Amino acid sequence: MSDKHEPIGGSAPWRTGVRLADVVAGGLALASCSFLDWGFMGGGSKAPPTAVDPSPTRSVFSLPRMGFPGLGLGGRGGVMSASERQCRAALRRRGVEFTDLAPIRDSAACGIDHPVRVSTLARGVALKPAATLNCQTALAAAEWLQKDVGPAARKRYLTGIAEVNNMSSYSCRRIRGTSRWSEHSRGNALDIGSFTLKNGHVIDVSRQSLFAMRARGFLHAARAGACDEFSTVLGPGSDADHADHFHFDLRQRRTGYRHCD
């Protein structure tokens, strides 16, 4: 804006008063509009333009909200977080068949914000009965099956996996003999009892005889591979409670320790 001592629109002195009056009037009108726009008059800020994305999964900086299984941070009963949507997309890419379920909240310690019921762990590989899990555990199980179990079966039996026996998934319970809640209580764990091959042969997880070399090699490979996907791996030899099945979970430990037994 011009300095107040400079003539407006020229140097003729008779024109100064007229133009100054015009400018003052126009300035007052502009100022009143600006004050209204800025919210200094009217008690509030302007409503956002309609072009702004109103998606509740975005923060003011358009960063996705992160959710963690069973902790209620993903918006229990609300809009699914970006990480949950990405997890489901990964399941679909792997050919996993699943159904989204309503939020589960059996108690303050038991529940899943966005559970899935998984009926296959890969194309043509059934999970029976279907398992109720959080999505992250379902994805870890699918990656384990496809990267470790399938190749181990083809290497030793020259055929693939047809079915995986689910012994336990979501269950509101404590760890036996303790006051601590099981990872099953958050859909964060899966127990596997046996594998059925495409040729109909069944391999039980329970301890194999000394002469069952192929079965022992297959189960060893499956168990070792699970240590890459899960934070806890238990099975025959770990303790009496796991003598007939594998237990896998995604327990988050402060130290980052992974228990592979």
C-alpha atoms as a PDB file:
ATOM      1  CA  MET A   1       0.000   0.000   0.000  1.00  0.00           C
ATOM      2  CA  SER A   2       1.226   3.557  -0.826  1.00  0.00           C
ATOM      3  CA  ASP A   3       2.577   5.795   1.906  1.00  0.00           C
ATOM      4  CA  LYS A   4      -0.128   8.151   3.328  1.00  0.00           C
ATOM      5  CA  HIS A   5       1.767  11.280   2.186  1.00  0.00           C
ATOM      6  CA  GLU A   6       1.938  10.176  -1.452  1.00  0.00           C
ATOM      7  CA  PRO A   7      -0.830  11.469  -3.756  1.00  0.00           C
ATOM      8  CA  ILE A   8      -3.083   8.695  -5.026  1.00  0.00           C
ATOM      9  CA  GLY A   9      -3.364   8.482  -8.814  1.00  0.00           C
ATOM     10  CA  GLY A  10      -1.093  11.430  -9.592  1.00  0.00           C
ATOM     11  CA  SER A  11       0.522  14.609  -8.269  1.00  0.00           C
ATOM     12  CA  ALA A  12      -2.334  17.124  -8.651  1.00  0.00           C
ATOM     13  CA  PRO A  13      -3.097  18.346  -5.106  1.00  0.00           C
ATOM     14  CA  TRP A  14      -6.867  18.912  -5.784  1.00  0.00           C
ATOM     15  CA  ARG A  15      -7.285  15.171  -6.528  1.00  0.00           C
ATOM     16  CA  THR A  16      -5.719  13.957  -3.256  1.00  0.00           C
ATOM     17  CA  GLY A  17      -8.714  14.408  -0.953  1.00  0.00           C
ATOM     18  CA  VAL A  18     -11.137  12.679  -3.336  1.00  0.00           C
ATOM     19  CA  ARG A  19      -8.970   9.666  -3.921  1.00  0.00           C
ATOM     20  CA  LEU A  20      -8.052   9.356  -0.229  1.00  0.00           C
ATOM     21  CA  ALA A  21     -11.727   9.302   0.693  1.00  0.00           C
ATOM     22  CA  ASP A  22     -12.368   6.595  -1.889  1.00  0.00           C
ATOM     23  CA  VAL A  23      -9.486   4.535  -0.603  1.00  0.00           C
ATOM     24  CA  VAL A  24     -10.555   4.890   3.038  1.00  0.00           C
ATOM     25  CA  ALA A  25     -14.106   3.789   2.208  1.00  0.00           C
ATOM     26  CA  GLY A  26     -12.910   0.871   0.117  1.00  0.00           C
ATOM     27  CA  GLY A  27     -10.392  -0.111   2.785  1.00  0.00           C
ATOM     28  CA  LEU A  28     -13.047  -0.185   5.497  1.00  0.00           C
ATOM     29  CA  ALA A  29     -15.273  -2.406   3.344  1.00  0.00           C
ATOM     30  CA  LEU A  30     -12.381  -4.753   2.581  1.00  0.00           C
ATOM     31  CA  ALA A  31     -11.352  -4.893   6.246  1.00  0.00           C
ATOM     32  CA  SER A  32     -14.868  -5.768   7.372  1.00  0.00           C
ATOM     33  CA  CYS A  33     -15.026  -8.628   4.833  1.00  0.00           C
ATOM     34  CA  SER A  34     -11.613  -9.875   5.857  1.00  0.00           C
ATOM     35  CA  PHE A  35     -12.482  -9.809   9.557  1.00  0.00           C
ATOM     36  CA  LEU A  36     -15.617 -11.814   8.870  1.00  0.00           C
ATOM     37  CA  ASP A  37     -13.658 -14.320   6.771  1.00  0.00           C
ATOM     38  CA  TRP A  38     -10.988 -14.731   9.443  1.00  0.00           C
ATOM     39  CA  GLY A  39     -13.523 -15.318  12.197  1.00  0.00           C
ATOM     40  CA  PHE A  40     -12.755 -12.219  14.272  1.00  0.00           C
ATOM     41  CA  MET A  41     -16.378 -11.222  13.803  1.00  0.00           C
ATOM     42  CA  GLY A  42     -19.014 -13.920  14.022  1.00  0.00           C
ATOM     43  CA  GLY A  43     -17.254 -16.005  16.678  1.00  0.00           C
ATOM     44  CA  GLY A  44     -15.827 -18.833  14.552  1.00  0.00           C
ATOM     45  CA  SER A  45     -13.567 -19.874  11.722  1.00  0.00           C
ATOM     46  CA  LYS A  46     -14.631 -20.461   8.155  1.00  0.00           C
ATOM     47  CA  ALA A  47     -16.115 -23.824   7.290  1.00  0.00           C
ATOM     48  CA  PRO A  48     -13.651 -25.933   5.308  1.00  0.00           C
ATOM     49  CA  PRO A  49     -14.165 -26.028   1.557  1.00  0.00           C
ATOM     50  CA  THR A  50     -16.106 -29.027   0.291  1.00  0.00           C
ATOM     51  CA  ALA A  51     -13.051 -30.265  -1.637  1.00  0.00           C
ATOM     52  CA  VAL A  52     -11.306 -31.220   1.628  1.00  0.00           C
ATOM     53  CA  ASP A  53     -11.273 -35.009   2.178  1.00  0.00           C
ATOM     54  CA  PRO A  54     -13.481 -35.608   5.246  1.00  0.00           C
ATOM     55  CA  SER A  55     -12.315 -39.218   5.685  1.00  0.00           C
ATOM     56  CA  PRO A  56     -12.194 -40.083   9.420  1.00  0.00           C
ATOM     57  CA  THR A  57      -9.196 -42.343   8.817  1.00  0.00           C
ATOM     58  CA  ARG A  58      -7.020 -39.302   8.166  1.00  0.00           C
ATOM     59  CA  SER A  59      -5.536 -36.880  10.669  1.00  0.00           C
ATOM     60  CA  VAL A  60      -5.172 -33.171   9.985  1.00  0.00           C
ATOM     61  CA  PHE A  61      -1.844 -34.021   8.365  1.00  0.00           C
ATOM     62  CA  SER A  62      -3.385 -36.826   6.232  1.00  0.00           C
ATOM     63  CA  LEU A  63      -1.396 -39.518   8.050  1.00  0.00           C
ATOM     64  CA  PRO A  64      -3.171 -42.859   8.633  1.00  0.00           C
ATOM     65  CA  ARG A  65      -4.091 -43.803  12.166  1.00  0.00           C
ATOM     66  CA  MET A  66      -2.353 -46.959  13.266  1.00  0.00           C
ATOM     67  CA  GLY A  67      -4.221 -49.778  15.001  1.00  0.00           C
ATOM     68  CA  PHE A  68      -2.960 -52.679  17.054  1.00  0.00           C
ATOM     69  CA  PRO A  69      -4.736 -55.987  17.477  1.00  0.00           C
ATOM     70  CA  GLY A  70      -7.133 -56.038  20.401  1.00  0.00           C
ATOM     71  CA  LEU A  71      -6.005 -52.728  21.925  1.00  0.00           C
ATOM     72  CA  GLY A  72      -8.924 -50.616  20.759  1.00  0.00           C
ATOM     73  CA  LEU A  73      -6.670 -48.103  18.983  1.00  0.00           C
ATOM     74  CA  GLY A  74      -8.089 -48.850  15.572  1.00  0.00           C
ATOM     75  CA  GLY A  75     -11.483 -47.448  16.473  1.00  0.00           C
ATOM     76  CA  ARG A  76     -13.453 -50.260  18.107  1.00  0.00           C
ATOM     77  CA  GLY A  77     -16.689 -50.599  16.233  1.00  0.00           C
ATOM     78  CA  GLY A  78     -15.743 -47.619  14.072  1.00  0.00           C
ATOM     79  CA  VAL A  79     -13.940 -46.953  10.839  1.00  0.00           C
ATOM     80  CA  MET A  80     -11.226 -49.453   9.935  1.00  0.00           C
ATOM     81  CA  SER A  81      -7.693 -48.046  10.109  1.00  0.00           C
ATOM     82  CA  ALA A  82      -5.354 -47.864   7.127  1.00  0.00           C
ATOM     83  CA  SER A  83      -3.218 -50.686   8.528  1.00  0.00           C
ATOM     84  CA  GLU A  84      -6.267 -52.950   8.825  1.00  0.00           C
ATOM     85  CA  ARG A  85      -7.274 -52.249   5.222  1.00  0.00           C
ATOM     86  CA  GLN A  86      -3.737 -52.908   4.013  1.00  0.00           C
ATOM     87  CA  CYS A  87      -3.669 -56.205   5.915  1.00  0.00           C
ATOM     88  CA  ARG A  88      -6.853 -57.358   4.205  1.00  0.00           C
ATOM     89  CA  ALA A  89      -5.477 -56.396   0.823  1.00  0.00           C
ATOM     90  CA  ALA A  90      -2.409 -58.544   1.562  1.00  0.00           C
ATOM     91  CA  LEU A  91      -4.662 -61.494   2.483  1.00  0.00           C
ATOM     92  CA  ARG A  92      -6.497 -61.190  -0.816  1.00  0.00           C
ATOM     93  CA  ARG A  93      -3.250 -61.079  -2.792  1.00  0.00           C
ATOM     94  CA  ARG A  94      -2.258 -64.363  -1.140  1.00  0.00           C
ATOM     95  CA  GLY A  95      -5.548 -66.009  -2.039  1.00  0.00           C
ATOM     96  CA  VAL A  96      -6.773 -66.207   1.559  1.00  0.00           C
ATOM     97  CA  GLU A  97     -10.540 -66.570   1.916  1.00  0.00           C
ATOM     98  CA  PHE A  98     -11.931 -64.685   4.899  1.00  0.00           C
ATOM     99  CA  THR A  99     -15.012 -62.903   6.168  1.00  0.00           C
ATOM    100  CA  ASP A 100     -15.036 -59.697   8.197  1.00  0.00           C
ATOM    101  CA  LEU A 101     -16.882 -60.112  11.486  1.00  0.00           C
ATOM    102  CA  ALA A 102     -18.491 -57.634  13.861  1.00  0.00           C
ATOM    103  CA  PRO A 103     -16.233 -56.399  16.682  1.00  0.00           C
ATOM    104  CA  ILE A 104     -15.823 -58.882  19.526  1.00  0.00           C
ATOM    105  CA  ARG A 105     -15.762 -57.578  23.098  1.00  0.00           C
ATOM    106  CA  ASP A 106     -16.414 -60.341  25.621  1.00  0.00           C
ATOM    107  CA  SER A 107     -14.740 -58.518  28.523  1.00  0.00           C
ATOM    108  CA  ALA A 108     -12.192 -55.788  29.212  1.00  0.00           C
ATOM    109  CA  ALA A 109      -9.432 -58.326  28.504  1.00  0.00           C
ATOM    110  CA  CYS A 110     -11.023 -60.303  25.664  1.00  0.00           C
ATOM    111  CA  GLY A 111     -11.923 -59.121  22.210  1.00  0.00           C
ATOM    112  CA  ILE A 112     -10.905 -58.124  18.698  1.00  0.00           C
ATOM    113  CA  ASP A 113     -11.716 -54.743  17.179  1.00  0.00           C
ATOM    114  CA  HIS A 114     -11.793 -55.942  13.563  1.00  0.00           C
ATOM    115  CA  PRO A 115     -11.867 -59.769  13.511  1.00  0.00           C
ATOM    116  CA  VAL A 116     -11.729 -61.988  10.454  1.00  0.00           C
ATOM    117  CA  ARG A 117     -12.953 -65.552  10.037  1.00  0.00           C
ATOM    118  CA  VAL A 118     -10.373 -67.357   7.892  1.00  0.00           C
ATOM    119  CA  SER A 119     -11.443 -70.447   5.926  1.00  0.00           C
ATOM    120  CA  THR A 120      -8.359 -70.897   3.693  1.00  0.00           C
ATOM    121  CA  LEU A 121      -4.681 -70.004   4.141  1.00  0.00           C
ATOM    122  CA  ALA A 122      -3.948 -70.121   0.398  1.00  0.00           C
ATOM    123  CA  ARG A 123      -5.745 -71.033  -2.807  1.00  0.00           C
ATOM    124  CA  GLY A 124      -6.836 -74.626  -2.368  1.00  0.00           C
ATOM    125  CA  VAL A 125      -5.585 -74.935   1.240  1.00  0.00           C
ATOM    126  CA  ALA A 126      -8.457 -75.121   3.732  1.00  0.00           C
ATOM    127  CA  LEU A 127      -8.221 -74.109   7.383  1.00  0.00           C
ATOM    128  CA  LYS A 128     -10.692 -76.323   9.267  1.00  0.00           C
ATOM    129  CA  PRO A 129     -12.555 -75.377  11.241  1.00  0.00           C
ATOM    130  CA  ALA A 130     -12.401 -71.741  10.160  1.00  0.00           C
ATOM    131  CA  ALA A 131     -10.373 -69.592  12.571  1.00  0.00           C
ATOM    132  CA  THR A 132     -11.410 -66.300  14.166  1.00  0.00           C
ATOM    133  CA  LEU A 133      -8.324 -64.096  14.366  1.00  0.00           C
ATOM    134  CA  ASN A 134      -7.136 -60.539  14.101  1.00  0.00           C
ATOM    135  CA  CYS A 135      -5.941 -59.758  10.599  1.00  0.00           C
ATOM    136  CA  GLN A 136      -2.239 -59.551  11.462  1.00  0.00           C
ATOM    137  CA  THR A 137      -2.219 -63.092  12.873  1.00  0.00           C
ATOM    138  CA  ALA A 138      -4.148 -64.388   9.868  1.00  0.00           C
ATOM    139  CA  LEU A 139      -1.582 -62.830   7.541  1.00  0.00           C
ATOM    140  CA  ALA A 140       1.350 -64.295   9.490  1.00  0.00           C
ATOM    141  CA  ALA A 141      -0.266 -67.750   9.271  1.00  0.00           C
ATOM    142  CA  ALA A 142      -0.825 -67.408   5.519  1.00  0.00           C
ATOM    143  CA  GLU A 143       2.768 -66.308   4.908  1.00  0.00           C
ATOM    144  CA  TRP A 144       4.053 -69.205   7.016  1.00  0.00           C
ATOM    145  CA  LEU A 145       1.909 -71.730   5.152  1.00  0.00           C
ATOM    146  CA  GLN A 146       2.910 -70.460   1.728  1.00  0.00           C
ATOM    147  CA  LYS A 147       6.613 -69.786   2.357  1.00  0.00           C
ATOM    148  CA  ASP A 148       7.492 -72.717   4.641  1.00  0.00           C
ATOM    149  CA  VAL A 149       4.881 -75.443   5.004  1.00  0.00           C
ATOM    150  CA  GLY A 150       3.951 -75.804   1.338  1.00  0.00           C
ATOM    151  CA  PRO A 151       7.553 -76.050   0.093  1.00  0.00           C
ATOM    152  CA  ALA A 152       8.429 -78.493   2.914  1.00  0.00           C
ATOM    153  CA  ALA A 153       5.569 -80.802   1.874  1.00  0.00           C
ATOM    154  CA  ARG A 154       6.503 -80.699  -1.817  1.00  0.00           C
ATOM    155  CA  LYS A 155      10.147 -81.400  -1.010  1.00  0.00           C
ATOM    156  CA  ARG A 156       9.476 -84.427   1.195  1.00  0.00           C
ATOM    157  CA  TYR A 157       6.181 -85.824  -0.106  1.00  0.00           C
ATOM    158  CA  LEU A 158       6.121 -84.506  -3.683  1.00  0.00           C
ATOM    159  CA  THR A 159       2.666 -83.039  -3.129  1.00  0.00           C
ATOM    160  CA  GLY A 160       1.055 -79.980  -1.565  1.00  0.00           C
ATOM    161  CA  ILE A 161      -1.050 -79.180   1.486  1.00  0.00           C
ATOM    162  CA  ALA A 162      -4.816 -79.648   1.185  1.00  0.00           C
ATOM    163  CA  GLU A 163      -5.941 -78.845   4.717  1.00  0.00           C
ATOM    164  CA  VAL A 164      -4.619 -77.430   7.988  1.00  0.00           C
ATOM    165  CA  ASN A 165      -6.328 -78.451  11.228  1.00  0.00           C
ATOM    166  CA  ASN A 166      -7.150 -75.491  13.502  1.00  0.00           C
ATOM    167  CA  MET A 167      -7.252 -76.587  17.146  1.00  0.00           C
ATOM    168  CA  SER A 168      -7.825 -73.116  18.607  1.00  0.00           C
ATOM    169  CA  SER A 169      -8.012 -69.482  17.534  1.00  0.00           C
ATOM    170  CA  TYR A 170      -9.907 -66.734  19.415  1.00  0.00           C
ATOM    171  CA  SER A 171     -10.806 -67.857  22.931  1.00  0.00           C
ATOM    172  CA  CYS A 172     -11.416 -65.738  26.036  1.00  0.00           C
ATOM    173  CA  ARG A 173      -9.173 -67.535  28.526  1.00  0.00           C
ATOM    174  CA  ARG A 174      -6.108 -67.193  30.708  1.00  0.00           C
ATOM    175  CA  ILE A 175      -2.867 -69.121  30.358  1.00  0.00           C
ATOM    176  CA  ARG A 176      -3.289 -72.298  32.359  1.00  0.00           C
ATOM    177  CA  GLY A 177      -1.944 -72.003  35.892  1.00  0.00           C
ATOM    178  CA  THR A 178      -1.396 -68.231  35.669  1.00  0.00           C
ATOM    179  CA  SER A 179      -3.367 -65.009  36.029  1.00  0.00           C
ATOM    180  CA  ARG A 180      -2.141 -63.733  32.639  1.00  0.00           C
ATOM    181  CA  TRP A 181      -4.511 -63.625  29.707  1.00  0.00           C
ATOM    182  CA  SER A 182      -3.683 -65.843  26.754  1.00  0.00           C
ATOM    183  CA  GLU A 183      -2.879 -64.320  23.382  1.00  0.00           C
ATOM    184  CA  HIS A 184      -5.895 -66.295  22.173  1.00  0.00           C
ATOM    185  CA  SER A 185      -8.051 -63.830  24.114  1.00  0.00           C
ATOM    186  CA  ARG A 186      -7.177 -61.132  21.544  1.00  0.00           C
ATOM    187  CA  GLY A 187      -7.287 -63.324  18.426  1.00  0.00           C
ATOM    188  CA  ASN A 188      -3.515 -63.060  18.438  1.00  0.00           C
ATOM    189  CA  ALA A 189      -2.747 -66.805  18.424  1.00  0.00           C
ATOM    190  CA  LEU A 190      -3.405 -69.940  16.380  1.00  0.00           C
ATOM    191  CA  ASP A 191      -2.966 -73.610  17.349  1.00  0.00           C
ATOM    192  CA  ILE A 192      -2.328 -76.209  14.617  1.00  0.00           C
ATOM    193  CA  GLY A 193      -2.906 -79.926  15.221  1.00  0.00           C
ATOM    194  CA  SER A 194      -2.256 -81.616  11.872  1.00  0.00           C
ATOM    195  CA  PHE A 195      -1.758 -81.241   8.127  1.00  0.00           C
ATOM    196  CA  THR A 196      -3.549 -83.176   5.384  1.00  0.00           C
ATOM    197  CA  LEU A 197      -1.666 -83.555   2.114  1.00  0.00           C
ATOM    198  CA  LYS A 198      -3.299 -83.504  -1.305  1.00  0.00           C
ATOM    199  CA  ASN A 199      -2.730 -87.267  -1.568  1.00  0.00           C
ATOM    200  CA  GLY A 200      -4.795 -87.761   1.611  1.00  0.00           C
ATOM    201  CA  HIS A 201      -1.877 -88.469   3.960  1.00  0.00           C
ATOM    202  CA  VAL A 202      -2.281 -86.864   7.414  1.00  0.00           C
ATOM    203  CA  ILE A 203       0.706 -85.622   9.427  1.00  0.00           C
ATOM    204  CA  ASP A 204      -0.023 -85.112  13.114  1.00  0.00           C
ATOM    205  CA  VAL A 205       1.978 -82.490  14.972  1.00  0.00           C
ATOM    206  CA  SER A 206       2.391 -84.784  17.987  1.00  0.00           C
ATOM    207  CA  ARG A 207       5.863 -86.239  18.489  1.00  0.00           C
ATOM    208  CA  GLN A 208       6.738 -88.680  15.683  1.00  0.00           C
ATOM    209  CA  SER A 209       8.507 -92.012  16.063  1.00  0.00           C
ATOM    210  CA  LEU A 210      12.225 -92.226  15.496  1.00  0.00           C
ATOM    211  CA  PHE A 211      11.677 -93.960  12.159  1.00  0.00           C
ATOM    212  CA  ALA A 212       9.200 -91.409  10.758  1.00  0.00           C
ATOM    213  CA  MET A 213      12.006 -89.509   9.081  1.00  0.00           C
ATOM    214  CA  ARG A 214       9.935 -87.675   6.478  1.00  0.00           C
ATOM    215  CA  ALA A 215       7.304 -86.552   8.977  1.00  0.00           C
ATOM    216  CA  ARG A 216       9.962 -85.443  11.453  1.00  0.00           C
ATOM    217  CA  GLY A 217      11.787 -83.467   8.768  1.00  0.00           C
ATOM    218  CA  PHE A 218       8.574 -81.859   7.557  1.00  0.00           C
ATOM    219  CA  LEU A 219       7.461 -80.820  11.058  1.00  0.00           C
ATOM    220  CA  HIS A 220      10.930 -79.498  11.886  1.00  0.00           C
ATOM    221  CA  ALA A 221      10.895 -77.323   8.762  1.00  0.00           C
ATOM    222  CA  ALA A 222       7.368 -76.079   9.502  1.00  0.00           C
ATOM    223  CA  ARG A 223       8.260 -75.219  13.086  1.00  0.00           C
ATOM    224  CA  ALA A 224      11.524 -73.482  12.194  1.00  0.00           C
ATOM    225  CA  GLY A 225       9.810 -71.441   9.477  1.00  0.00           C
ATOM    226  CA  ALA A 226       7.175 -70.247  11.933  1.00  0.00           C
ATOM    227  CA  CYS A 227       9.907 -68.524  13.938  1.00  0.00           C
ATOM    228  CA  ASP A 228      10.289 -66.030  11.073  1.00  0.00           C
ATOM    229  CA  GLU A 229       6.615 -65.036  11.139  1.00  0.00           C
ATOM    230  CA  PHE A 230       5.557 -65.263  14.801  1.00  0.00           C
ATOM    231  CA  SER A 231       6.995 -63.964  18.068  1.00  0.00           C
ATOM    232  CA  THR A 232       6.112 -67.157  19.985  1.00  0.00           C
ATOM    233  CA  VAL A 233       6.424 -70.734  18.693  1.00  0.00           C
ATOM    234  CA  LEU A 234       5.671 -73.725  20.942  1.00  0.00           C
ATOM    235  CA  GLY A 235       5.059 -77.394  20.221  1.00  0.00           C
ATOM    236  CA  PRO A 236       5.854 -80.972  21.243  1.00  0.00           C
ATOM    237  CA  GLY A 237       8.729 -80.900  23.713  1.00  0.00           C
ATOM    238  CA  SER A 238       8.014 -77.363  24.911  1.00  0.00           C
ATOM    239  CA  ASP A 239       5.716 -78.457  27.736  1.00  0.00           C
ATOM    240  CA  ALA A 240       2.853 -80.857  28.423  1.00  0.00           C
ATOM    241  CA  ASP A 241       0.218 -78.363  27.226  1.00  0.00           C
ATOM    242  CA  HIS A 242       1.695 -78.300  23.716  1.00  0.00           C
ATOM    243  CA  ALA A 243       2.491 -81.994  23.270  1.00  0.00           C
ATOM    244  CA  ASP A 244       0.022 -82.463  20.396  1.00  0.00           C
ATOM    245  CA  HIS A 245      -0.012 -79.125  18.554  1.00  0.00           C
ATOM    246  CA  PHE A 246       1.914 -76.048  17.464  1.00  0.00           C
ATOM    247  CA  HIS A 247       1.091 -72.782  19.195  1.00  0.00           C
ATOM    248  CA  PHE A 248       1.892 -69.600  17.270  1.00  0.00           C
ATOM    249  CA  ASP A 249       1.242 -66.041  18.433  1.00  0.00           C
ATOM    250  CA  LEU A 250       2.218 -62.422  17.839  1.00  0.00           C
ATOM    251  CA  ARG A 251       2.786 -61.380  21.436  1.00  0.00           C
ATOM    252  CA  GLN A 252       4.494 -57.979  21.629  1.00  0.00           C
ATOM    253  CA  ARG A 253       7.278 -57.945  24.200  1.00  0.00           C
ATOM    254  CA  ARG A 254       8.919 -54.705  25.311  1.00  0.00           C
ATOM    255  CA  THR A 255      12.398 -56.119  24.624  1.00  0.00           C
ATOM    256  CA  GLY A 256      11.436 -57.412  21.173  1.00  0.00           C
ATOM    257  CA  TYR A 257      12.329 -60.944  22.303  1.00  0.00           C
ATOM    258  CA  ARG A 258      11.004 -63.801  20.152  1.00  0.00           C
ATOM    259  CA  HIS A 259      10.408 -67.130  21.906  1.00  0.00           C
ATOM    260  CA  CYS A 260      11.056 -69.957  19.442  1.00  0.00           C
ATOM    261  CA  ASP A 261      10.985 -73.295  21.245  1.00  0.00           C
END
